[in-house]
Protein backbone atom coordinates (compact mmCIF):
# COMPACT_ATOMS: atom_id res chain seq x y z
CA UNK A 1 0.00 0.00 0.00
CA UNK A 2 2.84 2.41 0.86
CA UNK A 3 4.58 1.69 -2.47
CA UNK A 4 1.35 2.41 -4.36
CA UNK A 5 0.93 5.72 -2.48
CA UNK A 6 4.54 6.75 -3.25
CA UNK A 7 3.98 5.91 -6.91
CA UNK A 8 0.87 8.06 -7.05
CA UNK A 9 2.67 10.97 -5.37
CA UNK A 10 5.64 10.64 -7.75
CA UNK A 11 3.35 10.49 -10.79
CA UNK A 12 1.45 13.57 -9.53
CA UNK A 13 4.68 15.52 -9.12
CA UNK A 14 5.78 14.58 -12.65
CA UNK A 15 2.47 15.73 -14.13
CA UNK A 16 2.61 18.96 -12.11
CA UNK A 17 6.17 19.70 -13.27
CA UNK A 18 5.09 19.21 -16.91
CA UNK A 19 2.20 21.63 -16.38
CA UNK A 20 4.48 24.27 -14.85
CA UNK A 21 7.03 23.85 -17.66
CA UNK A 22 4.26 24.27 -20.26
CA UNK A 23 2.96 27.40 -18.53
CA UNK A 24 6.42 29.00 -18.49
CA UNK A 25 7.03 28.14 -22.13
CA UNK A 26 3.63 29.46 -23.15
CA UNK A 27 4.28 32.80 -21.43
CA UNK A 28 7.64 33.14 -23.20
CA UNK A 29 5.97 32.55 -26.57
CA UNK A 30 3.31 35.16 -25.83
CA UNK A 31 5.88 37.72 -24.70
CA UNK A 32 7.83 37.20 -27.91
CA UNK A 33 5.02 37.72 -30.42
CA UNK A 34 5.84 39.17 -33.85
CA UNK A 35 5.49 42.78 -32.71
CA UNK A 36 7.44 42.69 -29.45
CA UNK A 37 11.09 42.46 -28.52
CA UNK A 38 13.20 42.49 -25.37
CA UNK A 39 15.61 45.31 -24.50
CA UNK A 40 17.55 44.78 -21.27
CA UNK A 41 18.31 48.52 -21.09
CA UNK A 42 14.65 49.32 -20.36
CA UNK A 43 13.87 49.07 -16.64
CA UNK A 44 10.36 48.45 -15.34
CA UNK A 45 10.15 48.81 -11.55
CA UNK A 46 8.12 50.05 -8.62
CA UNK A 47 4.97 48.26 -9.71
CA UNK A 48 2.22 49.18 -7.25
CA UNK A 49 -1.49 48.35 -7.06
CA UNK A 50 -4.24 49.66 -4.85
CA UNK A 51 -8.03 49.94 -4.93
CA UNK A 52 -9.54 53.43 -5.00
CA UNK A 53 -12.83 54.58 -3.44
CA UNK A 54 -14.85 53.48 -6.48
CA UNK A 55 -13.49 49.92 -6.28
CA UNK A 56 -11.24 50.28 -9.33
CA UNK A 57 -7.62 49.12 -9.34
CA UNK A 58 -5.00 51.83 -9.73
CA UNK A 59 -1.75 50.59 -11.27
CA UNK A 60 1.54 52.42 -11.15
CA UNK A 61 4.83 51.46 -12.81
CA UNK A 62 8.13 53.35 -13.10
CA UNK A 63 10.08 53.01 -16.35
CA UNK A 64 13.62 54.09 -17.22
CA UNK A 65 14.26 54.30 -20.98
CA UNK A 66 17.65 54.55 -22.74
CA UNK A 67 18.38 57.78 -24.63
CA UNK A 68 18.38 56.20 -28.09
CA UNK A 69 14.82 54.77 -27.87
CA UNK A 70 12.01 56.97 -29.18
CA UNK A 71 8.79 56.29 -27.27
CA UNK A 72 5.63 56.55 -29.38
CA UNK A 73 3.31 55.27 -26.64
CA UNK A 74 3.14 53.63 -23.23
CA UNK A 75 0.63 52.26 -20.73
CA UNK A 76 -0.65 49.11 -19.07
CA UNK A 77 -2.33 46.12 -20.69
CA UNK A 78 -4.45 43.47 -18.98
CA UNK A 79 -6.69 40.50 -19.61
CA UNK A 80 -8.74 37.86 -17.84
CA UNK A 81 -7.26 34.93 -19.80
CA UNK A 82 -4.76 33.71 -17.18
CA UNK A 83 -1.79 34.49 -19.43
CA UNK A 84 0.61 37.35 -20.07
CA UNK A 85 -1.46 40.24 -21.46
CA UNK A 86 -0.71 41.78 -24.85
CA UNK A 87 -1.42 45.23 -26.26
CA UNK A 88 -4.25 43.66 -28.29
CA UNK A 89 -6.03 42.86 -24.99
CA UNK A 90 -7.42 45.68 -22.80
CA UNK A 91 -4.99 48.59 -22.46
CA UNK A 92 -4.41 52.20 -21.56
CA UNK A 93 -2.36 54.40 -23.88
CA UNK A 94 -0.62 57.65 -23.02
CA UNK A 95 0.93 58.59 -26.35
CA UNK A 96 4.38 59.84 -27.23
CA UNK A 97 6.91 61.11 -24.71
CA UNK A 98 10.49 62.36 -24.84
CA UNK A 99 10.99 61.71 -21.11
CA UNK A 100 13.45 58.97 -20.19
CA UNK A 101 12.01 58.38 -16.71
CA UNK A 102 8.24 58.01 -16.57
CA UNK A 103 5.64 56.75 -14.13
CA UNK A 104 2.59 55.17 -15.71
CA UNK A 105 -0.64 55.32 -13.70
CA UNK A 106 -3.67 53.46 -15.06
CA UNK A 107 -7.15 52.71 -13.74
CA UNK A 108 -8.85 49.33 -14.29
CA UNK A 109 -12.55 49.42 -13.33
CA UNK A 110 -13.22 45.64 -13.24
CA UNK A 111 -9.95 44.15 -12.16
CA UNK A 112 -10.77 40.99 -10.18
CA UNK A 113 -8.56 38.08 -11.24
CA UNK A 114 -6.90 39.88 -14.14
CA UNK A 115 -3.27 39.80 -15.25
CA UNK A 116 -1.53 43.09 -16.01
CA UNK A 117 1.82 44.47 -17.08
CA UNK A 118 3.30 47.70 -18.41
CA UNK A 119 4.49 48.30 -21.97
CA UNK A 120 6.15 50.92 -24.14
CA UNK A 121 5.85 51.39 -27.89
CA UNK A 122 8.92 52.30 -29.91
CA UNK A 123 9.62 52.66 -33.61
CA UNK A 124 11.05 49.13 -33.42
CA UNK A 125 8.01 47.50 -31.77
CA UNK A 126 6.53 46.81 -28.33
CA UNK A 127 8.59 46.28 -25.18
CA UNK A 128 6.62 44.57 -22.41
CA UNK A 129 7.51 44.33 -18.76
CA UNK A 130 8.63 40.70 -18.48
CA UNK A 131 6.77 40.40 -15.17
CA UNK A 132 3.01 39.85 -15.20
CA UNK A 133 1.06 40.71 -12.06
CA UNK A 134 -2.15 38.99 -10.93
CA UNK A 135 -4.78 41.36 -9.47
CA UNK A 136 -7.23 39.84 -7.00
C-alpha atoms as a PDB file:
ATOM      1  CA  UNK A   1       0.000   0.000   0.000  1.00  0.00           C
ATOM      2  CA  UNK A   2       2.839   2.407   0.856  1.00  0.00           C
ATOM      3  CA  UNK A   3       4.582   1.692  -2.469  1.00  0.00           C
ATOM      4  CA  UNK A   4       1.346   2.414  -4.363  1.00  0.00           C
ATOM      5  CA  UNK A   5       0.928   5.717  -2.478  1.00  0.00           C
ATOM      6  CA  UNK A   6       4.542   6.755  -3.246  1.00  0.00           C
ATOM      7  CA  UNK A   7       3.983   5.907  -6.915  1.00  0.00           C
ATOM      8  CA  UNK A   8       0.866   8.055  -7.049  1.00  0.00           C
ATOM      9  CA  UNK A   9       2.667  10.973  -5.367  1.00  0.00           C
ATOM     10  CA  UNK A  10       5.638  10.644  -7.747  1.00  0.00           C
ATOM     11  CA  UNK A  11       3.351  10.495 -10.789  1.00  0.00           C
ATOM     12  CA  UNK A  12       1.452  13.568  -9.534  1.00  0.00           C
ATOM     13  CA  UNK A  13       4.685  15.516  -9.122  1.00  0.00           C
ATOM     14  CA  UNK A  14       5.779  14.575 -12.652  1.00  0.00           C
ATOM     15  CA  UNK A  15       2.467  15.728 -14.131  1.00  0.00           C
ATOM     16  CA  UNK A  16       2.614  18.957 -12.108  1.00  0.00           C
ATOM     17  CA  UNK A  17       6.168  19.696 -13.274  1.00  0.00           C
ATOM     18  CA  UNK A  18       5.086  19.211 -16.907  1.00  0.00           C
ATOM     19  CA  UNK A  19       2.204  21.633 -16.382  1.00  0.00           C
ATOM     20  CA  UNK A  20       4.475  24.267 -14.849  1.00  0.00           C
ATOM     21  CA  UNK A  21       7.028  23.848 -17.659  1.00  0.00           C
ATOM     22  CA  UNK A  22       4.264  24.267 -20.260  1.00  0.00           C
ATOM     23  CA  UNK A  23       2.964  27.402 -18.533  1.00  0.00           C
ATOM     24  CA  UNK A  24       6.421  28.996 -18.490  1.00  0.00           C
ATOM     25  CA  UNK A  25       7.032  28.137 -22.131  1.00  0.00           C
ATOM     26  CA  UNK A  26       3.631  29.465 -23.153  1.00  0.00           C
ATOM     27  CA  UNK A  27       4.282  32.801 -21.432  1.00  0.00           C
ATOM     28  CA  UNK A  28       7.643  33.136 -23.202  1.00  0.00           C
ATOM     29  CA  UNK A  29       5.975  32.549 -26.571  1.00  0.00           C
ATOM     30  CA  UNK A  30       3.313  35.165 -25.825  1.00  0.00           C
ATOM     31  CA  UNK A  31       5.879  37.717 -24.702  1.00  0.00           C
ATOM     32  CA  UNK A  32       7.834  37.200 -27.907  1.00  0.00           C
ATOM     33  CA  UNK A  33       5.020  37.719 -30.417  1.00  0.00           C
ATOM     34  CA  UNK A  34       5.838  39.172 -33.855  1.00  0.00           C
ATOM     35  CA  UNK A  35       5.486  42.781 -32.708  1.00  0.00           C
ATOM     36  CA  UNK A  36       7.445  42.688 -29.454  1.00  0.00           C
ATOM     37  CA  UNK A  37      11.089  42.457 -28.521  1.00  0.00           C
ATOM     38  CA  UNK A  38      13.199  42.495 -25.374  1.00  0.00           C
ATOM     39  CA  UNK A  39      15.607  45.312 -24.503  1.00  0.00           C
ATOM     40  CA  UNK A  40      17.553  44.785 -21.269  1.00  0.00           C
ATOM     41  CA  UNK A  41      18.309  48.522 -21.095  1.00  0.00           C
ATOM     42  CA  UNK A  42      14.652  49.321 -20.362  1.00  0.00           C
ATOM     43  CA  UNK A  43      13.870  49.065 -16.636  1.00  0.00           C
ATOM     44  CA  UNK A  44      10.356  48.446 -15.343  1.00  0.00           C
ATOM     45  CA  UNK A  45      10.149  48.814 -11.548  1.00  0.00           C
ATOM     46  CA  UNK A  46       8.117  50.055  -8.617  1.00  0.00           C
ATOM     47  CA  UNK A  47       4.970  48.257  -9.713  1.00  0.00           C
ATOM     48  CA  UNK A  48       2.216  49.181  -7.248  1.00  0.00           C
ATOM     49  CA  UNK A  49      -1.488  48.348  -7.064  1.00  0.00           C
ATOM     50  CA  UNK A  50      -4.238  49.657  -4.851  1.00  0.00           C
ATOM     51  CA  UNK A  51      -8.027  49.938  -4.930  1.00  0.00           C
ATOM     52  CA  UNK A  52      -9.542  53.427  -4.999  1.00  0.00           C
ATOM     53  CA  UNK A  53     -12.829  54.579  -3.438  1.00  0.00           C
ATOM     54  CA  UNK A  54     -14.855  53.481  -6.480  1.00  0.00           C
ATOM     55  CA  UNK A  55     -13.490  49.920  -6.278  1.00  0.00           C
ATOM     56  CA  UNK A  56     -11.241  50.275  -9.335  1.00  0.00           C
ATOM     57  CA  UNK A  57      -7.621  49.117  -9.339  1.00  0.00           C
ATOM     58  CA  UNK A  58      -5.001  51.833  -9.733  1.00  0.00           C
ATOM     59  CA  UNK A  59      -1.749  50.585 -11.271  1.00  0.00           C
ATOM     60  CA  UNK A  60       1.540  52.421 -11.147  1.00  0.00           C
ATOM     61  CA  UNK A  61       4.833  51.456 -12.813  1.00  0.00           C
ATOM     62  CA  UNK A  62       8.126  53.347 -13.097  1.00  0.00           C
ATOM     63  CA  UNK A  63      10.084  53.010 -16.353  1.00  0.00           C
ATOM     64  CA  UNK A  64      13.623  54.090 -17.222  1.00  0.00           C
ATOM     65  CA  UNK A  65      14.261  54.304 -20.976  1.00  0.00           C
ATOM     66  CA  UNK A  66      17.648  54.553 -22.737  1.00  0.00           C
ATOM     67  CA  UNK A  67      18.379  57.778 -24.629  1.00  0.00           C
ATOM     68  CA  UNK A  68      18.377  56.195 -28.093  1.00  0.00           C
ATOM     69  CA  UNK A  69      14.823  54.773 -27.870  1.00  0.00           C
ATOM     70  CA  UNK A  70      12.012  56.971 -29.183  1.00  0.00           C
ATOM     71  CA  UNK A  71       8.786  56.294 -27.271  1.00  0.00           C
ATOM     72  CA  UNK A  72       5.629  56.546 -29.378  1.00  0.00           C
ATOM     73  CA  UNK A  73       3.307  55.266 -26.641  1.00  0.00           C
ATOM     74  CA  UNK A  74       3.141  53.625 -23.231  1.00  0.00           C
ATOM     75  CA  UNK A  75       0.630  52.263 -20.726  1.00  0.00           C
ATOM     76  CA  UNK A  76      -0.649  49.106 -19.067  1.00  0.00           C
ATOM     77  CA  UNK A  77      -2.329  46.125 -20.689  1.00  0.00           C
ATOM     78  CA  UNK A  78      -4.448  43.471 -18.983  1.00  0.00           C
ATOM     79  CA  UNK A  79      -6.688  40.496 -19.612  1.00  0.00           C
ATOM     80  CA  UNK A  80      -8.744  37.857 -17.843  1.00  0.00           C
ATOM     81  CA  UNK A  81      -7.261  34.934 -19.803  1.00  0.00           C
ATOM     82  CA  UNK A  82      -4.759  33.709 -17.181  1.00  0.00           C
ATOM     83  CA  UNK A  83      -1.785  34.492 -19.427  1.00  0.00           C
ATOM     84  CA  UNK A  84       0.608  37.352 -20.067  1.00  0.00           C
ATOM     85  CA  UNK A  85      -1.464  40.237 -21.463  1.00  0.00           C
ATOM     86  CA  UNK A  86      -0.713  41.780 -24.845  1.00  0.00           C
ATOM     87  CA  UNK A  87      -1.423  45.228 -26.257  1.00  0.00           C
ATOM     88  CA  UNK A  88      -4.248  43.659 -28.295  1.00  0.00           C
ATOM     89  CA  UNK A  89      -6.030  42.858 -24.993  1.00  0.00           C
ATOM     90  CA  UNK A  90      -7.417  45.683 -22.796  1.00  0.00           C
ATOM     91  CA  UNK A  91      -4.990  48.585 -22.462  1.00  0.00           C
ATOM     92  CA  UNK A  92      -4.406  52.200 -21.557  1.00  0.00           C
ATOM     93  CA  UNK A  93      -2.363  54.395 -23.881  1.00  0.00           C
ATOM     94  CA  UNK A  94      -0.616  57.649 -23.025  1.00  0.00           C
ATOM     95  CA  UNK A  95       0.931  58.593 -26.351  1.00  0.00           C
ATOM     96  CA  UNK A  96       4.378  59.839 -27.231  1.00  0.00           C
ATOM     97  CA  UNK A  97       6.915  61.106 -24.707  1.00  0.00           C
ATOM     98  CA  UNK A  98      10.489  62.361 -24.836  1.00  0.00           C
ATOM     99  CA  UNK A  99      10.991  61.712 -21.107  1.00  0.00           C
ATOM    100  CA  UNK A 100      13.450  58.972 -20.191  1.00  0.00           C
ATOM    101  CA  UNK A 101      12.006  58.377 -16.714  1.00  0.00           C
ATOM    102  CA  UNK A 102       8.235  58.005 -16.565  1.00  0.00           C
ATOM    103  CA  UNK A 103       5.636  56.746 -14.128  1.00  0.00           C
ATOM    104  CA  UNK A 104       2.586  55.167 -15.709  1.00  0.00           C
ATOM    105  CA  UNK A 105      -0.641  55.322 -13.702  1.00  0.00           C
ATOM    106  CA  UNK A 106      -3.672  53.464 -15.065  1.00  0.00           C
ATOM    107  CA  UNK A 107      -7.154  52.713 -13.744  1.00  0.00           C
ATOM    108  CA  UNK A 108      -8.855  49.326 -14.295  1.00  0.00           C
ATOM    109  CA  UNK A 109     -12.553  49.416 -13.330  1.00  0.00           C
ATOM    110  CA  UNK A 110     -13.220  45.644 -13.241  1.00  0.00           C
ATOM    111  CA  UNK A 111      -9.945  44.150 -12.158  1.00  0.00           C
ATOM    112  CA  UNK A 112     -10.770  40.992 -10.182  1.00  0.00           C
ATOM    113  CA  UNK A 113      -8.559  38.078 -11.238  1.00  0.00           C
ATOM    114  CA  UNK A 114      -6.900  39.876 -14.143  1.00  0.00           C
ATOM    115  CA  UNK A 115      -3.268  39.798 -15.247  1.00  0.00           C
ATOM    116  CA  UNK A 116      -1.528  43.089 -16.013  1.00  0.00           C
ATOM    117  CA  UNK A 117       1.819  44.466 -17.077  1.00  0.00           C
ATOM    118  CA  UNK A 118       3.300  47.701 -18.409  1.00  0.00           C
ATOM    119  CA  UNK A 119       4.489  48.295 -21.971  1.00  0.00           C
ATOM    120  CA  UNK A 120       6.154  50.919 -24.135  1.00  0.00           C
ATOM    121  CA  UNK A 121       5.850  51.388 -27.889  1.00  0.00           C
ATOM    122  CA  UNK A 122       8.925  52.300 -29.912  1.00  0.00           C
ATOM    123  CA  UNK A 123       9.618  52.665 -33.607  1.00  0.00           C
ATOM    124  CA  UNK A 124      11.046  49.129 -33.420  1.00  0.00           C
ATOM    125  CA  UNK A 125       8.013  47.500 -31.769  1.00  0.00           C
ATOM    126  CA  UNK A 126       6.531  46.810 -28.326  1.00  0.00           C
ATOM    127  CA  UNK A 127       8.588  46.284 -25.185  1.00  0.00           C
ATOM    128  CA  UNK A 128       6.618  44.568 -22.411  1.00  0.00           C
ATOM    129  CA  UNK A 129       7.508  44.326 -18.756  1.00  0.00           C
ATOM    130  CA  UNK A 130       8.634  40.701 -18.478  1.00  0.00           C
ATOM    131  CA  UNK A 131       6.768  40.404 -15.167  1.00  0.00           C
ATOM    132  CA  UNK A 132       3.011  39.848 -15.195  1.00  0.00           C
ATOM    133  CA  UNK A 133       1.063  40.707 -12.055  1.00  0.00           C
ATOM    134  CA  UNK A 134      -2.152  38.986 -10.928  1.00  0.00           C
ATOM    135  CA  UNK A 135      -4.780  41.357  -9.468  1.00  0.00           C
ATOM    136  CA  UNK A 136      -7.231  39.840  -7.005  1.00  0.00           C
END
